[in-house]
Amino acid sequence: MDEVASKIVDILKKHMKEPRDDIALSTELQDLSIESLDLAMIVFDIEDTFGIEIPYNANEDVEDFKTVGSVVDKVRALVEASSGGAAAAKA
């Protein structure tokens, strides 16, 4: 796992009632028994950690938040977009 994935797994573990050591990119979030309030805290923690804003609509973005890997991919895309946007704004 790269740094982004490792940080996200650490954030997940921090907010889980019973943290697990077997979390992989293919692990489905529903298998982690994360409650909705904890999920909101996880999203806030990820936003703070990576300096991004995660637009989330539960009705539309279900696939983006299905597995740990899909969360990692979404965060990477948002980080890239914010870095690219910042570079474009400075130019």
PDB file of N, CA and C in Angstrom:
ATOM      1  N   MET A   1       0.839  -1.192   0.000  1.00  0.00           N
ATOM      2  CA  MET A   1       0.000   0.000   0.000  1.00  0.00           C
ATOM      3  C   MET A   1       0.877   1.247   0.000  1.00  0.00           C
ATOM      4  N   ASP A   2       0.464   2.244  -0.755  1.00  0.00           N
ATOM      5  CA  ASP A   2       1.213   3.488  -0.775  1.00  0.00           C
ATOM      6  C   ASP A   2       0.810   4.371   0.399  1.00  0.00           C
ATOM      7  N   GLU A   3       1.378   5.566   0.456  1.00  0.00           N
ATOM      8  CA  GLU A   3       1.151   6.459   1.589  1.00  0.00           C
ATOM      9  C   GLU A   3      -0.322   6.875   1.718  1.00  0.00           C
ATOM     10  N   VAL A   4      -0.969   7.178   0.603  1.00  0.00           N
ATOM     11  CA  VAL A   4      -2.380   7.581   0.641  1.00  0.00           C
ATOM     12  C   VAL A   4      -3.228   6.439   1.208  1.00  0.00           C
ATOM     13  N   ALA A   5      -3.035   5.251   0.697  1.00  0.00           N
ATOM     14  CA  ALA A   5      -3.809   4.100   1.162  1.00  0.00           C
ATOM     15  C   ALA A   5      -3.546   3.822   2.636  1.00  0.00           C
ATOM     16  N   SER A   6      -2.299   3.891   3.046  1.00  0.00           N
ATOM     17  CA  SER A   6      -1.951   3.630   4.446  1.00  0.00           C
ATOM     18  C   SER A   6      -2.600   4.641   5.379  1.00  0.00           C
ATOM     19  N   LYS A   7      -2.585   5.920   4.981  1.00  0.00           N
ATOM     20  CA  LYS A   7      -3.210   6.956   5.813  1.00  0.00           C
ATOM     21  C   LYS A   7      -4.717   6.720   5.923  1.00  0.00           C
ATOM     22  N   ILE A   8      -5.349   6.332   4.824  1.00  0.00           N
ATOM     23  CA  ILE A   8      -6.791   6.093   4.845  1.00  0.00           C
ATOM     24  C   ILE A   8      -7.118   4.891   5.723  1.00  0.00           C
ATOM     25  N   VAL A   9      -6.339   3.827   5.622  1.00  0.00           N
ATOM     26  CA  VAL A   9      -6.562   2.656   6.483  1.00  0.00           C
ATOM     27  C   VAL A   9      -6.379   3.044   7.945  1.00  0.00           C
ATOM     28  N   ASP A  10      -5.369   3.850   8.253  1.00  0.00           N
ATOM     29  CA  ASP A  10      -5.164   4.305   9.634  1.00  0.00           C
ATOM     30  C   ASP A  10      -6.360   5.109  10.132  1.00  0.00           C
ATOM     31  N   ILE A  11      -6.903   5.973   9.273  1.00  0.00           N
ATOM     32  CA  ILE A  11      -8.084   6.763   9.644  1.00  0.00           C
ATOM     33  C   ILE A  11      -9.273   5.839   9.899  1.00  0.00           C
ATOM     34  N   LEU A  12      -9.469   4.857   9.029  1.00  0.00           N
ATOM     35  CA  LEU A  12     -10.566   3.898   9.224  1.00  0.00           C
ATOM     36  C   LEU A  12     -10.423   3.188  10.566  1.00  0.00           C
ATOM     37  N   LYS A  13      -9.230   2.700  10.847  1.00  0.00           N
ATOM     38  CA  LYS A  13      -8.989   1.976  12.106  1.00  0.00           C
ATOM     39  C   LYS A  13      -9.261   2.863  13.316  1.00  0.00           C
ATOM     40  N   LYS A  14      -8.881   4.128  13.212  1.00  0.00           N
ATOM     41  CA  LYS A  14      -9.057   5.067  14.324  1.00  0.00           C
ATOM     42  C   LYS A  14     -10.533   5.231  14.696  1.00  0.00           C
ATOM     43  N   HIS A  15     -11.412   5.122  13.697  1.00  0.00           N
ATOM     44  CA  HIS A  15     -12.837   5.365  13.934  1.00  0.00           C
ATOM     45  C   HIS A  15     -13.666   4.086  14.086  1.00  0.00           C
ATOM     46  N   MET A  16     -13.032   2.937  13.951  1.00  0.00           N
ATOM     47  CA  MET A  16     -13.766   1.672  14.069  1.00  0.00           C
ATOM     48  C   MET A  16     -13.909   1.271  15.538  1.00  0.00           C
ATOM     49  N   LYS A  17     -15.040   0.668  15.869  1.00  0.00           N
ATOM     50  CA  LYS A  17     -15.259   0.170  17.230  1.00  0.00           C
ATOM     51  C   LYS A  17     -14.293  -0.970  17.539  1.00  0.00           C
ATOM     52  N   GLU A  18     -14.076  -1.826  16.539  1.00  0.00           N
ATOM     53  CA  GLU A  18     -13.154  -2.954  16.683  1.00  0.00           C
ATOM     54  C   GLU A  18     -12.189  -2.945  15.496  1.00  0.00           C
ATOM     55  N   PRO A  19     -11.072  -2.199  15.617  1.00  0.00           N
ATOM     56  CA  PRO A  19     -10.115  -2.118  14.507  1.00  0.00           C
ATOM     57  C   PRO A  19      -9.586  -3.489  14.093  1.00  0.00           C
ATOM     58  N   ARG A  20      -9.357  -3.641  12.796  1.00  0.00           N
ATOM     59  CA  ARG A  20      -8.860  -4.907  12.245  1.00  0.00           C
ATOM     60  C   ARG A  20      -7.508  -4.670  11.581  1.00  0.00           C
ATOM     61  N   ASP A  21      -6.695  -5.714  11.561  1.00  0.00           N
ATOM     62  CA  ASP A  21      -5.394  -5.626  10.915  1.00  0.00           C
ATOM     63  C   ASP A  21      -5.413  -6.195   9.504  1.00  0.00           C
ATOM     64  N   ASP A  22      -6.563  -6.703   9.070  1.00  0.00           N
ATOM     65  CA  ASP A  22      -6.643  -7.350   7.759  1.00  0.00           C
ATOM     66  C   ASP A  22      -7.356  -6.499   6.715  1.00  0.00           C
ATOM     67  N   ILE A  23      -7.278  -5.184   6.847  1.00  0.00           N
ATOM     68  CA  ILE A  23      -7.942  -4.292   5.904  1.00  0.00           C
ATOM     69  C   ILE A  23      -7.095  -4.181   4.639  1.00  0.00           C
ATOM     70  N   ALA A  24      -7.697  -4.517   3.507  1.00  0.00           N
ATOM     71  CA  ALA A  24      -7.033  -4.441   2.207  1.00  0.00           C
ATOM     72  C   ALA A  24      -7.808  -3.475   1.312  1.00  0.00           C
ATOM     73  N   LEU A  25      -7.245  -3.163   0.164  1.00  0.00           N
ATOM     74  CA  LEU A  25      -7.932  -2.271  -0.772  1.00  0.00           C
ATOM     75  C   LEU A  25      -9.250  -2.856  -1.251  1.00  0.00           C
ATOM     76  N   SER A  26      -9.344  -4.174  -1.268  1.00  0.00           N
ATOM     77  CA  SER A  26     -10.570  -4.833  -1.730  1.00  0.00           C
ATOM     78  C   SER A  26     -11.630  -4.969  -0.636  1.00  0.00           C
ATOM     79  N   THR A  27     -11.290  -4.599   0.593  1.00  0.00           N
ATOM     80  CA  THR A  27     -12.242  -4.707   1.707  1.00  0.00           C
ATOM     81  C   THR A  27     -13.409  -3.751   1.494  1.00  0.00           C
ATOM     82  N   GLU A  28     -14.621  -4.290   1.599  1.00  0.00           N
ATOM     83  CA  GLU A  28     -15.805  -3.436   1.455  1.00  0.00           C
ATOM     84  C   GLU A  28     -16.051  -2.694   2.761  1.00  0.00           C
ATOM     85  N   LEU A  29     -16.426  -1.423   2.647  1.00  0.00           N
ATOM     86  CA  LEU A  29     -16.654  -0.621   3.841  1.00  0.00           C
ATOM     87  C   LEU A  29     -17.754  -1.201   4.718  1.00  0.00           C
ATOM     88  N   GLN A  30     -18.771  -1.783   4.089  1.00  0.00           N
ATOM     89  CA  GLN A  30     -19.866  -2.355   4.877  1.00  0.00           C
ATOM     90  C   GLN A  30     -19.380  -3.521   5.738  1.00  0.00           C
ATOM     91  N   ASP A  31     -18.295  -4.182   5.342  1.00  0.00           N
ATOM     92  CA  ASP A  31     -17.730  -5.287   6.115  1.00  0.00           C
ATOM     93  C   ASP A  31     -16.972  -4.802   7.350  1.00  0.00           C
ATOM     94  N   LEU A  32     -16.716  -3.503   7.422  1.00  0.00           N
ATOM     95  CA  LEU A  32     -15.975  -2.952   8.551  1.00  0.00           C
ATOM     96  C   LEU A  32     -16.893  -2.516   9.693  1.00  0.00           C
ATOM     97  N   SER A  33     -18.189  -2.684   9.515  1.00  0.00           N
ATOM     98  CA  SER A  33     -19.174  -2.327  10.546  1.00  0.00           C
ATOM     99  C   SER A  33     -19.005  -0.888  11.028  1.00  0.00           C
ATOM    100  N   ILE A  34     -18.881   0.013  10.072  1.00  0.00           N
ATOM    101  CA  ILE A  34     -18.742   1.431  10.397  1.00  0.00           C
ATOM    102  C   ILE A  34     -20.131   2.055  10.429  1.00  0.00           C
ATOM    103  N   GLU A  35     -20.457   2.704  11.547  1.00  0.00           N
ATOM    104  CA  GLU A  35     -21.761   3.343  11.679  1.00  0.00           C
ATOM    105  C   GLU A  35     -21.760   4.672  10.926  1.00  0.00           C
ATOM    106  N   SER A  36     -22.942   5.167  10.607  1.00  0.00           N
ATOM    107  CA  SER A  36     -23.053   6.368   9.774  1.00  0.00           C
ATOM    108  C   SER A  36     -22.377   7.583  10.410  1.00  0.00           C
ATOM    109  N   LEU A  37     -22.489   7.756  11.717  1.00  0.00           N
ATOM    110  CA  LEU A  37     -21.829   8.884  12.366  1.00  0.00           C
ATOM    111  C   LEU A  37     -20.314   8.740  12.260  1.00  0.00           C
ATOM    112  N   ASP A  38     -19.823   7.516  12.433  1.00  0.00           N
ATOM    113  CA  ASP A  38     -18.386   7.271  12.290  1.00  0.00           C
ATOM    114  C   ASP A  38     -17.932   7.533  10.859  1.00  0.00           C
ATOM    115  N   LEU A  39     -18.760   7.184   9.873  1.00  0.00           N
ATOM    116  CA  LEU A  39     -18.423   7.444   8.473  1.00  0.00           C
ATOM    117  C   LEU A  39     -18.274   8.942   8.232  1.00  0.00           C
ATOM    118  N   ALA A  40     -19.158   9.721   8.819  1.00  0.00           N
ATOM    119  CA  ALA A  40     -19.057  11.179   8.682  1.00  0.00           C
ATOM    120  C   ALA A  40     -17.747  11.678   9.290  1.00  0.00           C
ATOM    121  N   MET A  41     -17.376  11.146  10.438  1.00  0.00           N
ATOM    122  CA  MET A  41     -16.120  11.535  11.082  1.00  0.00           C
ATOM    123  C   MET A  41     -14.913  11.110  10.239  1.00  0.00           C
ATOM    124  N   ILE A  42     -15.018   9.955   9.597  1.00  0.00           N
ATOM    125  CA  ILE A  42     -13.953   9.469   8.716  1.00  0.00           C
ATOM    126  C   ILE A  42     -13.779  10.418   7.536  1.00  0.00           C
ATOM    127  N   VAL A  43     -14.894  10.840   6.949  1.00  0.00           N
ATOM    128  CA  VAL A  43     -14.837  11.769   5.811  1.00  0.00           C
ATOM    129  C   VAL A  43     -14.172  13.077   6.245  1.00  0.00           C
ATOM    130  N   PHE A  44     -14.567  13.613   7.415  1.00  0.00           N
ATOM    131  CA  PHE A  44     -13.961  14.851   7.913  1.00  0.00           C
ATOM    132  C   PHE A  44     -12.463  14.669   8.148  1.00  0.00           C
ATOM    133  N   ASP A  45     -12.092  13.533   8.726  1.00  0.00           N
ATOM    134  CA  ASP A  45     -10.694  13.252   9.019  1.00  0.00           C
ATOM    135  C   ASP A  45      -9.870  13.141   7.728  1.00  0.00           C
ATOM    136  N   ILE A  46     -10.430  12.481   6.715  1.00  0.00           N
ATOM    137  CA  ILE A  46      -9.743  12.363   5.418  1.00  0.00           C
ATOM    138  C   ILE A  46      -9.580  13.753   4.793  1.00  0.00           C
ATOM    139  N   GLU A  47     -10.638  14.567   4.855  1.00  0.00           N
ATOM    140  CA  GLU A  47     -10.565  15.915   4.291  1.00  0.00           C
ATOM    141  C   GLU A  47      -9.462  16.727   4.971  1.00  0.00           C
ATOM    142  N   ASP A  48      -9.397  16.656   6.298  1.00  0.00           N
ATOM    143  CA  ASP A  48      -8.373  17.395   7.036  1.00  0.00           C
ATOM    144  C   ASP A  48      -6.971  16.882   6.724  1.00  0.00           C
ATOM    145  N   THR A  49      -6.829  15.567   6.658  1.00  0.00           N
ATOM    146  CA  THR A  49      -5.518  14.958   6.416  1.00  0.00           C
ATOM    147  C   THR A  49      -4.956  15.325   5.058  1.00  0.00           C
ATOM    148  N   PHE A  50      -5.808  15.330   4.036  1.00  0.00           N
ATOM    149  CA  PHE A  50      -5.338  15.544   2.671  1.00  0.00           C
ATOM    150  C   PHE A  50      -5.608  16.950   2.137  1.00  0.00           C
ATOM    151  N   GLY A  51      -6.269  17.799   2.932  1.00  0.00           N
ATOM    152  CA  GLY A  51      -6.542  19.163   2.490  1.00  0.00           C
ATOM    153  C   GLY A  51      -7.476  19.226   1.298  1.00  0.00           C
ATOM    154  N   ILE A  52      -8.489  18.358   1.303  1.00  0.00           N
ATOM    155  CA  ILE A  52      -9.452  18.297   0.201  1.00  0.00           C
ATOM    156  C   ILE A  52     -10.862  18.410   0.750  1.00  0.00           C
ATOM    157  N   GLU A  53     -11.810  18.560  -0.151  1.00  0.00           N
ATOM    158  CA  GLU A  53     -13.225  18.517   0.207  1.00  0.00           C
ATOM    159  C   GLU A  53     -13.846  17.380  -0.583  1.00  0.00           C
ATOM    160  N   ILE A  54     -14.503  16.473   0.119  1.00  0.00           N
ATOM    161  CA  ILE A  54     -15.101  15.313  -0.524  1.00  0.00           C
ATOM    162  C   ILE A  54     -16.584  15.580  -0.741  1.00  0.00           C
ATOM    163  N   PRO A  55     -16.985  15.801  -1.994  1.00  0.00           N
ATOM    164  CA  PRO A  55     -18.420  15.952  -2.265  1.00  0.00           C
ATOM    165  C   PRO A  55     -19.058  14.574  -2.143  1.00  0.00           C
ATOM    166  N   TYR A  56     -20.076  14.459  -1.329  1.00  0.00           N
ATOM    167  CA  TYR A  56     -20.671  13.136  -1.122  1.00  0.00           C
ATOM    168  C   TYR A  56     -22.180  13.230  -1.144  1.00  0.00           C
ATOM    169  N   ASN A  57     -22.773  12.444  -2.029  1.00  0.00           N
ATOM    170  CA  ASN A  57     -24.219  12.293  -2.087  1.00  0.00           C
ATOM    171  C   ASN A  57     -24.477  10.794  -2.033  1.00  0.00           C
ATOM    172  N   ALA A  58     -25.032  10.337  -0.951  1.00  0.00           N
ATOM    173  CA  ALA A  58     -25.205   8.892  -0.726  1.00  0.00           C
ATOM    174  C   ALA A  58     -25.979   8.218  -1.855  1.00  0.00           C
ATOM    175  N   ASN A  59     -26.852   8.962  -2.519  1.00  0.00           N
ATOM    176  CA  ASN A  59     -27.638   8.371  -3.598  1.00  0.00           C
ATOM    177  C   ASN A  59     -26.850   8.227  -4.899  1.00  0.00           C
ATOM    178  N   GLU A  60     -25.818   9.063  -5.078  1.00  0.00           N
ATOM    179  CA  GLU A  60     -25.081   9.061  -6.336  1.00  0.00           C
ATOM    180  C   GLU A  60     -23.684   8.464  -6.227  1.00  0.00           C
ATOM    181  N   ASP A  61     -23.048   8.558  -5.077  1.00  0.00           N
ATOM    182  CA  ASP A  61     -21.639   8.219  -4.951  1.00  0.00           C
ATOM    183  C   ASP A  61     -21.388   6.882  -4.263  1.00  0.00           C
ATOM    184  N   VAL A  62     -22.333   5.973  -4.323  1.00  0.00           N
ATOM    185  CA  VAL A  62     -22.208   4.694  -3.637  1.00  0.00           C
ATOM    186  C   VAL A  62     -20.979   3.921  -4.110  1.00  0.00           C
ATOM    187  N   GLU A  63     -20.715   3.890  -5.401  1.00  0.00           N
ATOM    188  CA  GLU A  63     -19.567   3.139  -5.928  1.00  0.00           C
ATOM    189  C   GLU A  63     -18.234   3.744  -5.489  1.00  0.00           C
ATOM    190  N   ASP A  64     -18.196   5.073  -5.296  1.00  0.00           N
ATOM    191  CA  ASP A  64     -16.971   5.728  -4.855  1.00  0.00           C
ATOM    192  C   ASP A  64     -16.604   5.351  -3.422  1.00  0.00           C
ATOM    193  N   PHE A  65     -17.565   4.850  -2.685  1.00  0.00           N
ATOM    194  CA  PHE A  65     -17.339   4.533  -1.278  1.00  0.00           C
ATOM    195  C   PHE A  65     -17.734   3.098  -0.957  1.00  0.00           C
ATOM    196  N   LYS A  66     -17.519   2.202  -1.913  1.00  0.00           N
ATOM    197  CA  LYS A  66     -17.881   0.797  -1.712  1.00  0.00           C
ATOM    198  C   LYS A  66     -16.756   0.015  -1.039  1.00  0.00           C
ATOM    199  N   THR A  67     -15.535   0.202  -1.515  1.00  0.00           N
ATOM    200  CA  THR A  67     -14.387  -0.511  -0.951  1.00  0.00           C
ATOM    201  C   THR A  67     -13.343   0.495  -0.474  1.00  0.00           C
ATOM    202  N   VAL A  68     -12.391   0.005   0.302  1.00  0.00           N
ATOM    203  CA  VAL A  68     -11.287   0.857   0.740  1.00  0.00           C
ATOM    204  C   VAL A  68     -10.550   1.391  -0.489  1.00  0.00           C
ATOM    205  N   GLY A  69     -10.341   0.542  -1.480  1.00  0.00           N
ATOM    206  CA  GLY A  69      -9.660   0.950  -2.711  1.00  0.00           C
ATOM    207  C   GLY A  69     -10.397   2.041  -3.461  1.00  0.00           C
ATOM    208  N   SER A  70     -11.720   1.975  -3.475  1.00  0.00           N
ATOM    209  CA  SER A  70     -12.484   3.015  -4.178  1.00  0.00           C
ATOM    210  C   SER A  70     -12.377   4.353  -3.451  1.00  0.00           C
ATOM    211  N   VAL A  71     -12.284   4.314  -2.122  1.00  0.00           N
ATOM    212  CA  VAL A  71     -12.079   5.545  -1.350  1.00  0.00           C
ATOM    213  C   VAL A  71     -10.691   6.109  -1.655  1.00  0.00           C
ATOM    214  N   VAL A  72      -9.697   5.236  -1.674  1.00  0.00           N
ATOM    215  CA  VAL A  72      -8.327   5.657  -1.984  1.00  0.00           C
ATOM    216  C   VAL A  72      -8.274   6.302  -3.374  1.00  0.00           C
ATOM    217  N   ASP A  73      -8.907   5.678  -4.358  1.00  0.00           N
ATOM    218  CA  ASP A  73      -8.925   6.227  -5.723  1.00  0.00           C
ATOM    219  C   ASP A  73      -9.593   7.598  -5.763  1.00  0.00           C
ATOM    220  N   LYS A  74     -10.699   7.736  -5.046  1.00  0.00           N
ATOM    221  CA  LYS A  74     -11.428   9.015  -5.009  1.00  0.00           C
ATOM    222  C   LYS A  74     -10.560  10.097  -4.371  1.00  0.00           C
ATOM    223  N   VAL A  75      -9.894   9.757  -3.260  1.00  0.00           N
ATOM    224  CA  VAL A  75      -9.036  10.734  -2.584  1.00  0.00           C
ATOM    225  C   VAL A  75      -7.868  11.126  -3.483  1.00  0.00           C
ATOM    226  N   ARG A  76      -7.248  10.159  -4.130  1.00  0.00           N
ATOM    227  CA  ARG A  76      -6.137  10.466  -5.049  1.00  0.00           C
ATOM    228  C   ARG A  76      -6.595  11.436  -6.144  1.00  0.00           C
ATOM    229  N   ALA A  77      -7.768  11.172  -6.722  1.00  0.00           N
ATOM    230  CA  ALA A  77      -8.293  12.033  -7.783  1.00  0.00           C
ATOM    231  C   ALA A  77      -8.547  13.450  -7.261  1.00  0.00           C
ATOM    232  N   LEU A  78      -9.090  13.559  -6.053  1.00  0.00           N
ATOM    233  CA  LEU A  78      -9.369  14.880  -5.479  1.00  0.00           C
ATOM    234  C   LEU A  78      -8.075  15.619  -5.145  1.00  0.00           C
ATOM    235  N   VAL A  79      -7.071  14.897  -4.646  1.00  0.00           N
ATOM    236  CA  VAL A  79      -5.782  15.513  -4.335  1.00  0.00           C
ATOM    237  C   VAL A  79      -5.129  16.022  -5.622  1.00  0.00           C
ATOM    238  N   GLU A  80      -5.166  15.194  -6.668  1.00  0.00           N
ATOM    239  CA  GLU A  80      -4.614  15.597  -7.966  1.00  0.00           C
ATOM    240  C   GLU A  80      -5.330  16.826  -8.506  1.00  0.00           C
ATOM    241  N   ALA A  81      -6.650  16.803  -8.425  1.00  0.00           N
ATOM    242  CA  ALA A  81      -7.443  17.925  -8.942  1.00  0.00           C
ATOM    243  C   ALA A  81      -7.142  19.204  -8.163  1.00  0.00           C
ATOM    244  N   SER A  82      -7.005  19.085  -6.836  1.00  0.00           N
ATOM    245  CA  SER A  82      -6.733  20.283  -6.043  1.00  0.00           C
ATOM    246  C   SER A  82      -5.309  20.774  -6.266  1.00  0.00           C
ATOM    247  N   SER A  83      -4.371  19.876  -6.479  1.00  0.00           N
ATOM    248  CA  SER A  83      -2.984  20.272  -6.764  1.00  0.00           C
ATOM    249  C   SER A  83      -2.897  20.914  -8.138  1.00  0.00           C
ATOM    250  N   GLY A  84      -3.582  20.335  -9.114  1.00  0.00           N
ATOM    251  CA  GLY A  84      -3.605  20.895 -10.458  1.00  0.00           C
ATOM    252  C   GLY A  84      -4.295  22.236 -10.494  1.00  0.00           C
ATOM    253  N   GLY A  85      -5.368  22.348  -9.752  1.00  0.00           N
ATOM    254  CA  GLY A  85      -6.109  23.601  -9.687  1.00  0.00           C
ATOM    255  C   GLY A  85      -5.295  24.696  -9.022  1.00  0.00           C
ATOM    256  N   ALA A  86      -4.537  24.328  -7.978  1.00  0.00           N
ATOM    257  CA  ALA A  86      -3.699  25.301  -7.292  1.00  0.00           C
ATOM    258  C   ALA A  86      -2.571  25.762  -8.196  1.00  0.00           C
ATOM    259  N   ALA A  87      -1.990  24.832  -8.947  1.00  0.00           N
ATOM    260  CA  ALA A  87      -0.909  25.174  -9.868  1.00  0.00           C
ATOM    261  C   ALA A  87      -1.420  26.085 -10.983  1.00  0.00           C
ATOM    262  N   ALA A  88      -2.613  25.779 -11.486  1.00  0.00           N
ATOM    263  CA  ALA A  88      -3.200  26.595 -12.550  1.00  0.00           C
ATOM    264  C   ALA A  88      -3.528  28.000 -12.036  1.00  0.00           C
ATOM    265  N   ALA A  89      -3.972  28.081 -10.771  1.00  0.00           N
ATOM    266  CA  ALA A  89      -4.326  29.383 -10.195  1.00  0.00           C
ATOM    267  C   ALA A  89      -3.076  30.260 -10.003  1.00  0.00           C
ATOM    268  N   LYS A  90      -1.935  29.605  -9.702  1.00  0.00           N
ATOM    269  CA  LYS A  90      -0.700  30.354  -9.490  1.00  0.00           C
ATOM    270  C   LYS A  90      -0.066  30.803 -10.809  1.00  0.00           C
ATOM    271  N   ALA A  91      -0.392  30.129 -11.895  1.00  0.00           N
ATOM    272  CA  ALA A  91       0.237  30.438 -13.180  1.00  0.00           C
ATOM    273  C   ALA A  91      -0.314  31.698 -13.808  1.00  0.00           C
TER     274      ALA A  91
END
